[in-house]
Amino acid sequence: MNAYLEIIRPGNAIMAVIAVLLIAIISGIFTFKVLLGCIVVFIVTGAGNSINDYFDYKIDAINKPERPIPSGRISLNKAGFYSLALLSIGTILAFIIGLIPGLIALSTSILMVYYAYGLKKKLLIGNIVISFLTGLTFVFGGVIVGEILTSIYLGFFPFLTTIAREIIKDMEDVEGDRMEGAHTLPIMRGMRISSIIAAFFLILASLSSPILYYLGILTIFYIPLLIIAVLIFLYYALSILKDQSLKNARNVSNKLKIGMAIILIAYGLGSPFLASLF
């Protein structure tokens, strides 16, 4: 893969775009602004991934040496300029959509840089910031289509699961983070406490997820896939409680991505708009 494409982690960026598309599907509103919003989310999310690698190049040299910067495929300076250019383009496009989307993109860009610069090394703060940005992607889509309250409800579940996964990712990266003087949860409170807190958020997310059906936001078609995702979350919550090794943390982190992807599909299938077509 081309290094400039790899550094933005297109898979993660596409997952963020799906959040905007889901809001459009659930609302039944498909406009040029929605398309432009998807482009904005892809660019800004990709820029956030890139700027994160810029500040994390020393840690990645230990934990993930194959990434573009530590592997030498992109210089540090070029990665920095590339990230700022993407953030600028994404923000300008967001202001074309409207004032509020533009302000969201601008504030998100600033927060991403601040996170990558130092917040991610702070106890739990970095985890909360990334989780907040994940939920905010849904809200960004909700602003575009005029479904803000619905988008907040839809963003809450990914917010909870992302906190859990971010903590587990910190468990996976504990060796490199410790060498860089980070103050992540596993470093400050230990792997056992980190696993308990991560499992707590996974269980809380699993128990609260049916609310979207009971509130009438999603239809009954949301439930079957939700059950599968919840079983995945609960199974790997137990797994990380039993085994806090780096190998298992990496495995659990990857498997949680599958559960999160299933939830996104469940959102789409549970859309009232899709149900009205049958």
Protein backbone atom coordinates (compact mmCIF):
# COMPACT_ATOMS: atom_id res chain seq x y z
CA MET A 1 0.00 0.00 0.00
CA ASN A 2 1.21 3.53 -0.75
CA ALA A 3 2.70 5.03 2.41
CA TYR A 4 0.64 8.24 2.19
CA LEU A 5 -2.53 6.19 1.99
CA GLU A 6 -1.41 3.76 4.68
CA ILE A 7 -0.63 6.49 7.21
CA ILE A 8 -4.23 7.74 7.21
CA ARG A 9 -5.42 4.19 7.91
CA PRO A 10 -8.19 4.17 5.28
CA GLY A 11 -10.03 1.29 6.95
CA ASN A 12 -10.56 3.34 10.11
CA ALA A 13 -11.48 6.41 8.06
CA ILE A 14 -14.09 4.43 6.12
CA MET A 15 -15.58 3.17 9.40
CA ALA A 16 -16.02 6.82 10.41
CA VAL A 17 -17.68 7.59 7.07
CA ILE A 18 -20.12 4.76 7.68
CA ALA A 19 -21.38 6.63 10.76
CA VAL A 20 -22.49 9.54 8.55
CA LEU A 21 -24.02 7.19 6.00
CA LEU A 22 -25.95 5.39 8.73
CA ILE A 23 -27.47 8.64 9.95
CA ALA A 24 -28.52 9.36 6.36
CA ILE A 25 -30.03 5.87 6.01
CA ILE A 26 -31.86 6.08 9.33
CA SER A 27 -33.24 9.53 8.52
CA GLY A 28 -33.94 8.68 4.87
CA ILE A 29 -32.21 11.89 3.77
CA PHE A 30 -29.67 11.67 0.95
CA THR A 31 -28.28 14.96 -0.33
CA PHE A 32 -25.08 16.41 -1.77
CA LYS A 33 -24.28 17.72 1.72
CA VAL A 34 -24.32 14.14 3.03
CA LEU A 35 -21.85 13.11 0.33
CA LEU A 36 -19.65 16.08 1.13
CA GLY A 37 -19.92 15.23 4.84
CA CYS A 38 -18.62 11.72 4.11
CA ILE A 39 -15.63 13.19 2.30
CA VAL A 40 -14.96 15.56 5.21
CA VAL A 41 -15.08 12.74 7.76
CA PHE A 42 -12.76 10.56 5.69
CA ILE A 43 -10.19 13.35 5.28
CA VAL A 44 -10.30 14.62 8.87
CA THR A 45 -10.22 11.12 10.37
CA GLY A 46 -7.32 10.19 8.10
CA ALA A 47 -5.51 13.38 9.08
CA GLY A 48 -6.03 12.53 12.74
CA ASN A 49 -4.46 9.12 12.21
CA SER A 50 -1.55 10.70 10.37
CA ILE A 51 -0.87 13.39 12.97
CA ASN A 52 -1.03 10.71 15.65
CA ASP A 53 1.72 8.78 13.88
CA TYR A 54 3.72 12.01 13.60
CA PHE A 55 3.83 12.49 17.36
CA ASP A 56 4.08 8.76 18.09
CA TYR A 57 6.97 7.89 15.82
CA LYS A 58 9.28 6.94 18.72
CA ILE A 59 6.66 4.72 20.35
CA ASP A 60 5.77 3.15 16.99
CA ALA A 61 9.45 2.41 16.41
CA ILE A 62 9.10 0.00 19.36
CA ASN A 63 5.49 -1.18 19.13
CA LYS A 64 4.80 -0.96 15.37
CA PRO A 65 8.04 -0.45 13.41
CA GLU A 66 6.35 -1.37 10.14
CA ARG A 67 4.34 1.88 10.05
CA PRO A 68 5.27 4.48 7.40
CA ILE A 69 7.31 6.87 9.59
CA PRO A 70 9.43 4.45 11.67
CA SER A 71 9.98 2.28 8.57
CA GLY A 72 11.39 5.32 6.76
CA ARG A 73 8.83 5.34 3.93
CA ILE A 74 7.68 8.86 4.94
CA SER A 75 9.90 11.44 6.60
CA LEU A 76 8.73 13.04 9.83
CA ASN A 77 8.51 16.52 8.26
CA LYS A 78 6.52 15.33 5.26
CA ALA A 79 4.10 13.47 7.55
CA GLY A 80 3.55 16.65 9.58
CA PHE A 81 2.86 18.84 6.53
CA TYR A 82 0.65 16.15 5.01
CA SER A 83 -1.44 15.92 8.19
CA LEU A 84 -1.94 19.68 8.47
CA ALA A 85 -2.86 19.91 4.78
CA LEU A 86 -5.52 17.23 5.19
CA LEU A 87 -6.95 18.90 8.30
CA SER A 88 -7.15 22.23 6.44
CA ILE A 89 -8.86 20.72 3.39
CA GLY A 90 -11.36 18.81 5.53
CA THR A 91 -12.23 21.90 7.58
CA ILE A 92 -12.72 24.10 4.48
CA LEU A 93 -15.04 21.51 2.92
CA ALA A 94 -17.01 21.29 6.19
CA PHE A 95 -17.60 25.08 6.17
CA ILE A 96 -18.98 24.69 2.64
CA ILE A 97 -21.63 22.38 4.13
CA GLY A 98 -22.53 24.95 6.79
CA LEU A 99 -21.32 26.97 9.76
CA ILE A 100 -21.98 24.33 12.44
CA PRO A 101 -20.40 21.44 10.47
CA GLY A 102 -17.43 23.72 9.82
CA LEU A 103 -17.04 24.56 13.49
CA ILE A 104 -17.30 20.88 14.41
CA ALA A 105 -14.58 19.99 11.89
CA LEU A 106 -12.36 22.86 13.05
CA SER A 107 -12.72 22.02 16.76
CA THR A 108 -12.23 18.33 16.00
CA SER A 109 -9.03 19.08 14.09
CA ILE A 110 -7.65 21.15 16.96
CA LEU A 111 -8.60 18.47 19.48
CA MET A 112 -6.96 15.77 17.38
CA VAL A 113 -3.67 17.66 17.29
CA TYR A 114 -3.85 18.35 21.03
CA TYR A 115 -4.66 14.70 21.69
CA ALA A 116 -1.75 13.45 19.61
CA TYR A 117 0.62 16.00 21.15
CA GLY A 118 -0.05 15.13 24.77
CA LEU A 119 -3.56 14.19 25.84
CA LYS A 120 -3.23 10.56 24.76
CA LYS A 121 -0.52 10.04 27.37
CA LYS A 122 -2.77 11.23 30.20
CA LEU A 123 -4.60 8.83 32.48
CA LEU A 124 -7.95 7.96 30.81
CA ILE A 125 -8.27 11.46 29.26
CA GLY A 126 -6.88 10.31 25.93
CA ASN A 127 -9.22 7.30 25.88
CA ILE A 128 -12.22 9.53 26.55
CA VAL A 129 -11.20 12.03 23.84
CA ILE A 130 -10.97 9.36 21.14
CA SER A 131 -14.29 7.86 22.25
CA PHE A 132 -15.89 11.31 22.23
CA LEU A 133 -14.63 11.91 18.69
CA THR A 134 -16.05 8.54 17.62
CA GLY A 135 -19.50 9.48 18.93
CA LEU A 136 -19.15 12.98 17.48
CA THR A 137 -18.92 11.49 13.99
CA PHE A 138 -22.54 10.40 14.33
CA VAL A 139 -23.51 13.84 15.63
CA PHE A 140 -21.76 15.48 12.66
CA GLY A 141 -23.98 13.42 10.37
CA GLY A 142 -27.00 14.28 12.50
CA VAL A 143 -26.30 18.00 12.14
CA ILE A 144 -26.17 17.66 8.36
CA VAL A 145 -29.53 15.87 8.08
CA GLY A 146 -31.25 17.61 11.01
CA GLU A 147 -31.42 14.56 13.33
CA ILE A 148 -29.22 15.70 16.18
CA LEU A 149 -30.95 13.94 19.09
CA THR A 150 -31.14 10.63 17.22
CA SER A 151 -27.46 10.90 16.32
CA ILE A 152 -26.52 11.46 19.97
CA TYR A 153 -28.33 8.26 20.96
CA LEU A 154 -26.65 6.34 18.12
CA GLY A 155 -23.23 7.70 19.02
CA PHE A 156 -23.48 6.73 22.68
CA PHE A 157 -22.99 2.98 22.16
CA PRO A 158 -19.83 3.39 20.00
CA PHE A 159 -18.60 5.88 22.61
CA LEU A 160 -18.72 3.21 25.31
CA THR A 161 -17.21 0.40 23.24
CA THR A 162 -14.43 2.68 21.99
CA ILE A 163 -13.40 3.57 25.56
CA ALA A 164 -13.06 -0.15 26.28
CA ARG A 165 -11.05 -0.83 23.13
CA GLU A 166 -8.77 2.19 23.68
CA ILE A 167 -7.92 0.94 27.17
CA ILE A 168 -7.16 -2.50 25.79
CA LYS A 169 -5.00 -0.94 23.06
CA ASP A 170 -3.06 0.82 25.83
CA MET A 171 -2.55 -2.58 27.44
CA GLU A 172 -1.23 -3.84 24.11
CA ASP A 173 1.17 -0.87 23.75
CA VAL A 174 2.27 -0.69 27.39
CA GLU A 175 5.96 -1.41 26.73
CA GLY A 176 6.51 1.39 24.21
CA ASP A 177 4.31 3.81 26.16
CA ARG A 178 6.29 3.19 29.35
CA MET A 179 9.57 3.95 27.59
CA GLU A 180 8.11 7.27 26.38
CA GLY A 181 6.93 8.27 29.85
CA ALA A 182 3.22 8.02 29.09
CA HIS A 183 0.71 7.92 31.95
CA THR A 184 -1.84 5.52 30.48
CA LEU A 185 -4.14 3.45 32.66
CA PRO A 186 -2.13 0.19 32.39
CA ILE A 187 1.07 2.02 33.36
CA MET A 188 -0.43 3.96 36.26
CA ARG A 189 -2.90 1.41 37.65
CA GLY A 190 -1.74 -1.91 36.23
CA MET A 191 -3.05 -4.40 33.70
CA ARG A 192 -5.57 -6.00 36.07
CA ILE A 193 -7.36 -2.75 36.93
CA SER A 194 -7.28 -1.76 33.25
CA SER A 195 -8.94 -5.02 32.25
CA ILE A 196 -11.68 -4.54 34.86
CA ILE A 197 -12.46 -1.01 33.65
CA ALA A 198 -12.43 -2.07 29.99
CA ALA A 199 -14.75 -5.00 30.76
CA PHE A 200 -17.05 -2.66 32.70
CA PHE A 201 -17.52 -0.41 29.66
CA LEU A 202 -18.12 -3.39 27.38
CA ILE A 203 -20.77 -4.75 29.74
CA LEU A 204 -22.37 -1.32 30.15
CA ALA A 205 -22.51 -0.89 26.39
CA SER A 206 -24.03 -4.34 25.97
CA LEU A 207 -26.73 -3.73 28.59
CA SER A 208 -27.65 -0.28 27.28
CA SER A 209 -27.68 -1.09 23.56
CA PRO A 210 -31.33 -2.34 23.37
CA ILE A 211 -32.50 1.16 24.36
CA LEU A 212 -32.30 2.19 20.70
CA TYR A 213 -35.07 -0.29 19.92
CA TYR A 214 -37.23 0.56 22.93
CA LEU A 215 -37.02 4.27 22.10
CA GLY A 216 -38.25 3.52 18.58
CA ILE A 217 -35.08 4.82 16.92
CA LEU A 218 -34.37 1.44 15.35
CA THR A 219 -36.73 -1.38 14.36
CA ILE A 220 -36.83 -5.02 15.44
CA PHE A 221 -34.40 -5.88 12.62
CA TYR A 222 -31.69 -4.28 14.78
CA ILE A 223 -31.97 -6.96 17.44
CA PRO A 224 -30.61 -10.17 15.77
CA LEU A 225 -27.23 -8.69 14.85
CA LEU A 226 -27.14 -6.78 18.13
CA ILE A 227 -27.32 -10.09 19.99
CA ILE A 228 -24.31 -11.38 18.03
CA ALA A 229 -22.32 -8.22 18.77
CA VAL A 230 -23.23 -8.31 22.45
CA LEU A 231 -22.09 -11.94 22.72
CA ILE A 232 -18.77 -10.93 21.17
CA PHE A 233 -18.36 -8.04 23.60
CA LEU A 234 -19.23 -10.14 26.63
CA TYR A 235 -17.00 -13.02 25.57
CA TYR A 236 -13.97 -10.79 25.10
CA ALA A 237 -14.75 -8.85 28.26
CA LEU A 238 -14.34 -12.15 30.09
CA SER A 239 -11.26 -12.96 28.01
CA ILE A 240 -9.41 -9.78 28.99
CA LEU A 241 -10.39 -10.29 32.63
CA LYS A 242 -8.83 -13.76 32.58
CA ASP A 243 -5.72 -12.95 30.55
CA GLN A 244 -4.03 -9.54 30.48
CA SER A 245 -1.02 -10.62 28.40
CA LEU A 246 0.09 -8.41 25.50
CA LYS A 247 -0.79 -11.18 23.06
CA ASN A 248 -4.34 -11.49 24.34
CA ALA A 249 -4.80 -7.72 24.54
CA ARG A 250 -3.89 -7.53 20.84
CA ASN A 251 -6.31 -10.36 20.03
CA VAL A 252 -9.17 -8.83 22.04
CA SER A 253 -8.57 -5.41 20.46
CA ASN A 254 -8.86 -6.91 16.98
CA LYS A 255 -11.94 -8.97 17.81
CA LEU A 256 -13.72 -5.94 19.30
CA LYS A 257 -13.39 -4.24 15.91
CA ILE A 258 -15.47 -7.09 14.47
CA GLY A 259 -18.15 -6.56 17.09
CA MET A 260 -18.19 -2.83 16.42
CA ALA A 261 -18.54 -3.44 12.69
CA ILE A 262 -21.49 -5.76 13.33
CA ILE A 263 -23.15 -3.02 15.39
CA LEU A 264 -22.86 -0.61 12.47
CA ILE A 265 -24.52 -3.16 10.19
CA ALA A 266 -27.23 -3.64 12.81
CA TYR A 267 -27.85 0.12 12.81
CA GLY A 268 -28.37 0.02 9.06
CA LEU A 269 -30.66 -3.02 9.08
CA GLY A 270 -32.67 -1.52 11.93
CA SER A 271 -33.25 1.73 10.08
CA PRO A 272 -36.94 2.74 9.91
CA PHE A 273 -36.28 4.01 6.40
CA LEU A 274 -35.15 0.58 5.20
CA ALA A 275 -38.05 -1.07 7.00
CA SER A 276 -40.47 1.20 5.14
CA LEU A 277 -39.16 -0.13 1.82
CA PHE A 278 -40.39 -3.66 2.57
